[in-house]
Protein backbone atom coordinates (compact mmCIF):
# COMPACT_ATOMS: atom_id res chain seq x y z
CA MET A 1 16.97 -23.62 -17.55
CA LYS A 2 14.76 -21.14 -19.45
CA LEU A 3 15.25 -18.56 -16.70
CA PHE A 4 19.06 -19.08 -16.82
CA LEU A 5 19.14 -18.63 -20.60
CA LEU A 6 16.98 -15.53 -20.31
CA LEU A 7 19.48 -13.96 -17.91
CA LEU A 8 22.33 -14.70 -20.34
CA LEU A 9 20.48 -13.12 -23.25
CA LEU A 10 19.50 -9.92 -21.44
CA PRO A 11 21.21 -6.85 -22.98
CA ILE A 12 23.70 -5.03 -20.77
CA HIS A 13 21.67 -1.79 -20.85
CA GLY A 14 18.79 -3.72 -19.27
CA PHE A 15 20.56 -3.64 -15.92
CA SER A 16 19.90 0.09 -15.61
CA GLN A 17 16.19 -0.18 -16.39
CA ASP A 18 13.72 1.75 -14.28
CA ILE A 19 11.28 -0.86 -12.95
CA THR A 20 9.14 1.47 -10.84
CA GLY A 21 5.51 1.64 -11.83
CA VAL A 22 2.30 -0.36 -11.98
CA TRP A 23 2.37 -4.05 -12.95
CA VAL A 24 -0.62 -6.32 -13.62
CA GLY A 25 -0.69 -10.04 -14.34
CA THR A 26 -1.05 -13.44 -12.71
CA LEU A 27 0.44 -15.98 -10.34
CA GLN A 28 0.25 -19.57 -11.55
CA THR A 29 0.81 -22.78 -9.62
CA GLY A 30 -0.11 -26.03 -11.37
CA ASP A 31 -3.34 -25.44 -13.29
CA THR A 32 -4.42 -22.60 -10.98
CA ARG A 33 -3.95 -19.01 -12.13
CA VAL A 34 -4.97 -16.01 -10.00
CA PRO A 35 -4.88 -12.23 -10.64
CA TYR A 36 -1.89 -10.44 -9.13
CA GLU A 37 -0.87 -6.76 -9.14
CA LEU A 38 2.32 -5.09 -7.99
CA VAL A 39 3.26 -1.44 -7.52
CA ILE A 40 6.99 -0.66 -7.28
CA SER A 41 7.94 2.75 -5.92
CA GLY A 42 11.10 4.65 -5.02
CA LYS A 43 14.66 4.68 -6.34
CA LYS A 44 16.92 1.85 -7.50
CA ASN A 45 18.67 1.40 -4.16
CA SER A 46 15.58 2.07 -2.05
CA LEU A 47 12.56 0.33 -3.55
CA LYS A 48 9.31 -0.53 -1.82
CA GLY A 49 5.84 -1.44 -2.94
CA TYR A 50 2.45 -3.04 -2.49
CA SER A 51 0.84 -6.15 -3.93
CA LEU A 52 -2.75 -7.26 -4.52
CA LEU A 53 -3.80 -10.91 -4.75
CA VAL A 54 -7.28 -12.10 -5.72
CA PHE A 55 -8.61 -15.61 -5.13
CA THR A 56 -12.07 -17.14 -5.14
CA PHE A 57 -13.33 -19.16 -2.15
CA LYS A 58 -16.73 -20.86 -2.34
CA GLY A 59 -17.72 -18.61 -5.21
CA VAL A 60 -16.76 -15.38 -3.39
CA GLU A 61 -13.90 -13.14 -4.53
CA ASN A 62 -11.33 -12.49 -1.79
CA VAL A 63 -8.83 -9.62 -2.05
CA GLY A 64 -5.71 -9.05 0.03
CA ILE A 65 -3.18 -6.19 -0.11
CA LYS A 66 0.29 -6.42 1.41
CA THR A 67 3.33 -4.19 1.68
CA MET A 68 6.29 -5.53 -0.28
CA ASP A 69 10.04 -5.56 0.32
CA ILE A 70 11.86 -5.21 -3.01
CA ASP A 71 15.58 -5.68 -3.66
CA MET A 72 17.00 -4.86 -7.08
CA LYS A 73 19.94 -7.01 -8.08
CA ARG A 74 22.20 -6.85 -11.15
CA ALA A 75 19.79 -8.57 -13.51
CA SER A 76 16.76 -9.43 -11.40
CA ILE A 77 14.64 -8.27 -8.50
CA ALA A 78 13.69 -10.12 -5.34
CA ILE A 79 10.23 -9.50 -3.87
CA GLU A 80 9.01 -10.52 -0.41
CA ASP A 81 5.65 -10.13 1.33
CA GLY A 82 5.43 -7.65 4.19
CA ASP A 83 2.35 -6.78 6.25
CA LEU A 84 -1.24 -7.52 5.26
CA ILE A 85 -2.81 -4.03 5.32
CA TYR A 86 -6.21 -4.78 3.75
CA ASP A 87 -8.42 -7.79 3.14
CA ASN A 88 -12.05 -8.74 2.72
CA TYR A 89 -11.41 -12.43 3.34
CA THR A 90 -14.43 -14.63 3.94
CA THR A 91 -12.13 -17.34 5.33
CA PRO A 92 -9.62 -16.82 8.18
CA SER A 93 -6.34 -15.54 6.77
CA ARG A 94 -3.28 -17.74 7.10
CA ARG A 95 0.18 -16.46 7.92
CA VAL A 96 1.86 -17.19 4.62
CA LYS A 97 4.73 -15.25 3.05
CA LEU A 98 5.50 -15.10 -0.67
CA TYR A 99 9.04 -14.84 -2.05
CA GLY A 100 9.74 -14.20 -5.72
CA SER A 101 12.62 -13.70 -8.14
CA LEU A 102 11.81 -11.77 -11.32
CA VAL A 103 13.66 -10.65 -14.45
CA TRP A 104 12.55 -7.90 -16.80
CA VAL A 105 12.17 -8.18 -20.56
CA GLY A 106 11.63 -5.30 -22.99
CA ARG A 107 11.56 -1.58 -22.36
CA ASP A 108 9.18 1.15 -21.20
CA SER A 109 5.49 0.28 -21.56
CA ASN A 110 6.36 -2.98 -23.35
CA MET A 111 8.34 -4.29 -20.39
CA THR A 112 7.29 -7.47 -18.55
CA LEU A 113 8.40 -9.08 -15.29
CA ASN A 114 8.68 -12.86 -15.34
CA GLY A 115 9.95 -15.32 -12.78
CA THR A 116 9.22 -17.81 -10.06
CA PHE A 117 7.75 -17.65 -6.58
CA SER A 118 7.41 -19.83 -3.52
CA THR A 119 5.34 -19.47 -0.36
CA ARG A 120 6.19 -20.40 3.20
CA SER A 121 3.93 -20.81 6.20
CA MET A 122 4.85 -18.57 9.14
CA ASP A 123 3.17 -21.04 11.53
CA MET A 124 6.06 -22.97 13.07
CA ARG A 125 3.66 -25.68 14.18
CA ALA A 126 2.88 -26.53 10.56
CA PRO A 127 5.81 -25.24 8.47
CA ASN A 128 4.92 -27.29 5.39
CA GLU A 129 1.28 -26.18 5.14
CA ASN A 130 0.43 -23.67 2.41
CA ALA A 131 3.84 -24.15 0.77
CA PHE A 132 3.48 -23.62 -2.98
CA LYS A 133 5.73 -22.92 -5.95
CA GLY A 134 4.83 -21.37 -9.25
CA THR A 135 5.45 -18.66 -11.82
CA ILE A 136 4.73 -14.93 -12.04
CA PHE A 137 3.95 -12.97 -15.19
CA LEU A 138 3.38 -9.19 -15.00
CA GLN A 139 2.84 -6.58 -17.72
CA ARG A 140 3.83 -2.97 -17.14
CA LYS A 141 1.00 -0.43 -17.22
CA ASN A 142 1.01 3.33 -17.48
CA ASN A 143 2.21 4.71 -14.11
CA ARG A 144 -1.10 6.55 -13.80
CA SER A 145 -3.26 3.48 -14.49
CA GLN A 146 -6.19 3.15 -12.08
CA THR A 147 -5.80 -0.56 -11.40
CA ARG A 148 -7.60 -2.25 -8.52
CA LEU A 149 -4.49 -1.92 -6.36
CA VAL A 150 -3.90 1.77 -7.12
CA SER A 151 -7.59 2.55 -6.57
CA LYS A 152 -7.55 0.83 -3.18
CA LEU A 153 -4.34 2.56 -2.12
CA THR A 154 -5.99 5.86 -3.03
CA GLU A 155 -8.97 5.00 -0.80
CA MET A 156 -6.55 4.18 2.04
CA ASN A 157 -4.68 7.49 1.59
CA LEU A 158 -1.51 5.57 0.68
CA ALA A 159 -1.23 6.53 -2.99
CA GLY A 160 0.60 9.71 -1.96
CA THR A 161 3.52 7.58 -0.73
CA LEU A 162 4.21 6.31 -4.26
CA SER A 163 6.97 7.77 -6.43
CA PHE A 164 7.90 6.56 -9.89
CA GLY A 165 10.87 7.13 -12.15
CA THR A 166 10.94 9.12 -15.37
CA PRO A 167 7.93 8.20 -17.55
CA SER A 168 8.55 6.63 -20.94
CA SER A 169 8.46 8.70 -24.13
CA LYS A 170 5.14 7.04 -24.98
CA GLU A 171 3.66 8.09 -21.63
CA ILE A 172 4.95 11.64 -22.08
CA SER A 173 3.38 11.80 -25.56
CA THR A 174 0.07 10.46 -24.22
CA SER A 175 0.20 12.93 -21.33
CA LYS A 176 0.78 15.86 -23.71
CA ASN A 177 -2.15 14.78 -25.87
CA LYS A 178 -4.36 14.66 -22.79
CA GLU A 179 -3.14 18.11 -21.75
CA ASN A 180 -4.03 19.51 -25.17
CA ILE A 181 -7.52 17.97 -24.99
CA THR A 182 -7.93 19.36 -21.47
CA GLN A 183 -6.94 22.84 -22.63
CA VAL A 184 -9.64 22.74 -25.31
CA LYS A 185 -12.22 21.65 -22.75
CA GLU A 186 -11.13 24.38 -20.34
CA ILE A 187 -12.31 27.02 -22.81
CA LYS A 188 -15.83 25.70 -22.35
CA THR A 189 -15.81 24.55 -18.72
CA PRO A 190 -13.37 25.77 -16.05
CA PRO A 191 -11.76 22.75 -14.33
CA LYS A 192 -12.50 21.98 -10.69
CA PRO A 193 -9.45 22.02 -8.39
CA GLU A 194 -8.27 18.54 -7.46
CA PRO A 195 -7.15 17.69 -3.91
CA VAL A 196 -3.40 17.34 -3.44
CA ALA A 197 -2.34 13.72 -2.89
CA ARG A 198 -0.88 13.34 0.58
CA LYS A 199 2.04 11.28 1.74
CA THR A 200 1.36 8.92 4.64
CA GLU A 201 4.17 8.09 7.09
CA ILE A 202 3.97 5.01 9.33
CA ILE A 203 5.15 6.30 12.73
CA ARG A 204 4.46 3.28 14.95
CA ALA A 205 3.41 -0.38 14.93
CA VAL A 206 1.35 -1.73 17.83
CA SER A 207 0.52 -5.38 18.48
CA PHE A 208 -2.82 -5.88 20.26
CA HIS A 209 -4.46 -8.89 21.90
CA SER A 210 -7.80 -7.67 23.27
CA ASP A 211 -11.24 -8.09 21.72
CA SER A 212 -11.56 -4.30 21.55
CA LEU A 213 -9.35 -1.21 21.53
CA VAL A 214 -10.28 2.17 23.03
CA LEU A 215 -8.91 5.18 21.16
CA SER A 216 -8.67 8.54 22.93
CA LEU A 217 -7.66 11.72 21.08
CA TYR A 218 -6.32 14.92 22.65
CA ASP A 219 -4.63 18.08 21.42
CA ASN A 220 -0.89 17.75 21.98
CA GLY A 221 0.06 21.03 23.65
CA GLU A 222 -1.65 24.39 23.30
CA ILE A 223 -5.29 24.22 22.24
CA ASP A 224 -5.16 25.99 18.88
CA GLY A 225 -8.12 24.65 16.91
CA ASP A 226 -6.60 21.53 15.34
CA THR A 227 -9.22 19.36 13.61
CA VAL A 228 -8.59 15.78 12.52
CA SER A 229 -10.28 12.76 10.99
CA ILE A 230 -9.29 9.19 11.81
CA ILE A 231 -9.40 6.62 9.00
CA LEU A 232 -9.20 2.87 9.62
CA ASN A 233 -8.42 0.66 6.61
CA GLY A 234 -9.77 3.30 4.24
CA LYS A 235 -13.00 3.91 6.20
CA VAL A 236 -13.70 7.07 8.23
CA LEU A 237 -13.76 6.20 11.93
CA ILE A 238 -13.85 9.73 13.40
CA SER A 239 -14.86 12.64 11.17
CA LYS A 240 -13.58 16.24 11.48
CA GLN A 241 -13.28 16.44 15.26
CA GLY A 242 -11.67 19.44 16.97
CA LEU A 243 -8.94 18.44 19.45
CA THR A 244 -9.04 19.78 23.00
CA ALA A 245 -7.82 18.78 26.44
CA LYS A 246 -10.95 16.61 26.73
CA ALA A 247 -10.70 13.18 25.20
CA ILE A 248 -12.56 12.17 22.05
CA THR A 249 -13.05 8.42 22.50
CA LYS A 250 -13.92 5.64 20.12
CA THR A 251 -14.05 1.89 20.68
CA VAL A 252 -12.84 -0.37 17.87
CA TYR A 253 -13.73 -4.05 18.01
CA ALA A 254 -11.52 -6.89 16.82
CA SER A 255 -14.12 -7.86 14.23
CA ASP A 256 -13.44 -4.50 12.51
CA LEU A 257 -9.68 -5.13 12.37
CA ASN A 258 -7.54 -7.23 10.05
CA ASP A 259 -4.45 -9.12 11.10
CA SER A 260 -2.65 -5.92 10.12
CA SER A 261 -4.69 -2.69 9.93
CA VAL A 262 -3.75 0.88 9.00
CA LEU A 263 -4.98 3.74 11.22
CA VAL A 264 -4.42 7.15 9.59
CA MET A 265 -4.53 10.52 11.38
CA TYR A 266 -5.72 13.00 8.74
CA ALA A 267 -5.27 16.74 9.39
CA GLU A 268 -8.36 18.71 8.33
CA ASN A 269 -6.67 22.05 9.09
CA LEU A 270 -3.49 23.48 10.60
CA GLY A 271 -4.98 25.30 13.59
CA ARG A 272 -3.46 28.60 14.66
CA ILE A 273 -0.03 27.04 15.18
CA PRO A 274 1.03 24.69 12.34
CA PRO A 275 1.41 21.80 12.02
CA ASN A 276 -1.65 19.92 13.24
CA THR A 277 -0.54 17.91 16.30
CA GLY A 278 -2.30 15.50 18.59
CA LEU A 279 -1.97 12.71 21.14
CA LEU A 280 -3.53 9.30 20.54
CA VAL A 281 -3.92 7.08 23.61
CA LEU A 282 -4.54 3.45 22.70
CA GLN A 283 -5.92 1.19 25.44
CA ASP A 284 -5.44 -2.54 24.80
CA GLY A 285 -6.81 -4.29 27.89
CA ASN A 286 -4.34 -3.41 30.65
CA GLU A 287 -1.77 -2.10 28.17
CA ARG A 288 -1.71 1.59 27.30
CA TYR A 289 0.14 3.26 24.43
CA GLN A 290 0.66 7.02 24.02
CA ILE A 291 1.39 8.07 20.44
CA ARG A 292 2.08 11.66 19.47
CA PHE A 293 1.37 12.51 15.85
CA SER A 294 1.53 15.49 13.52
CA GLY A 295 0.33 16.30 10.02
CA ASP A 296 -0.41 19.04 7.55
CA LEU A 297 -2.21 19.41 4.23
CA GLN A 298 0.47 17.37 2.43
CA ASN A 299 1.34 14.70 5.01
CA ASN A 300 -0.51 12.18 7.20
CA SER A 301 0.68 10.10 10.13
CA ALA A 302 -0.35 6.47 10.50
CA ILE A 303 0.12 3.49 12.77
CA ILE A 304 -0.07 -0.23 12.01
CA LEU A 305 -2.26 -2.34 14.30
CA ARG A 306 -1.22 -6.00 14.30
CA ARG A 307 -3.23 -8.78 15.91
CA LYS A 308 -1.18 -10.95 18.29
CA ARG A 309 -1.35 -14.69 17.71
C-alpha cells in the first residue's frame, strides 16, 4: 500500500529523471540487512549495470558482483541479476537470481531508490530453496564516488564501460572547486598524466566443463609486433607478451575460476599495423574454441567463462 501511494504522489517531472550513477544502501529481509551497491549506466532506453552484495558467513565477509539487466518504466525501474563476474565466496555459490522493482524519490544527489525484491533459485530440482522477499533502499552518490563496486570494476578493467547522464548542478559546482584547487597545486607540482580509462567489450561467452582450460595465444595475421596482457577476474594472467606464430600457452585450473569469470585481452601496444589483433585458442577437454580478438589503447576485448553444471 505504501508503495502504491508513493507512486501516486510522485511528481510528473519525476518520470524524466536521470537515474544513471552510483547507488549505495542495503537489502533487508526480515531482521537481516546486508550492504548492497548498484551502478546504473547508459541511456534511458538502454540501461545496464552492475551490483555488489556483501554477506558474512562464519565470520568471514563474502563479496559477489553481478551484471544487471535494468528496464526503466514510466514511474519505476525493474532490475534483474545477470552473470556473476566476481566473488570471493568461502561457501559454494548458489544459482539464485534477484528481481527488484524500485521507485525514485527526490532529485539529483538527494535522490533515493526504494522498493521490493524477491529471489528465485535457478536449480529446478529445488525451486523453493533460497527464495526470499524483502526491501531495497539505495542513496545516490556522486557519479565519481570510489565505492567498493566502482573500485572493483576499475580493477577488472570494466569501469571504462560505464557512462552516466548529465551531472547535477551540485556535482558540477564541486567539480569546478576541485579544478580550481588542482590549478593552484599545479603551480607548485606538475600533475602526472593519468591513464585513459578503456572500454571493455564482451565478444564471446564460453561454457566449460573440464577441471582445467589451456589458453593458447597467437598473432592473428601478419606478425607486426603486437603485445598483449591477459587479465582474469582482475588479476594478470599473462603479462606483456609479444604475439607470434608460435603459441604462448597458459593453463588455468577450475579452482581459479568462478561460476562466471571475465577474461580480458589488454593491448599493450598497436604493433606496426593497428589495431592490436590476436587469436585465442581455448581447449576445454576435447572441445576447442577459436576466438579472434582486437583492441587498441582505448578498447579491450573480453570473454565470459561460465562453468557448466
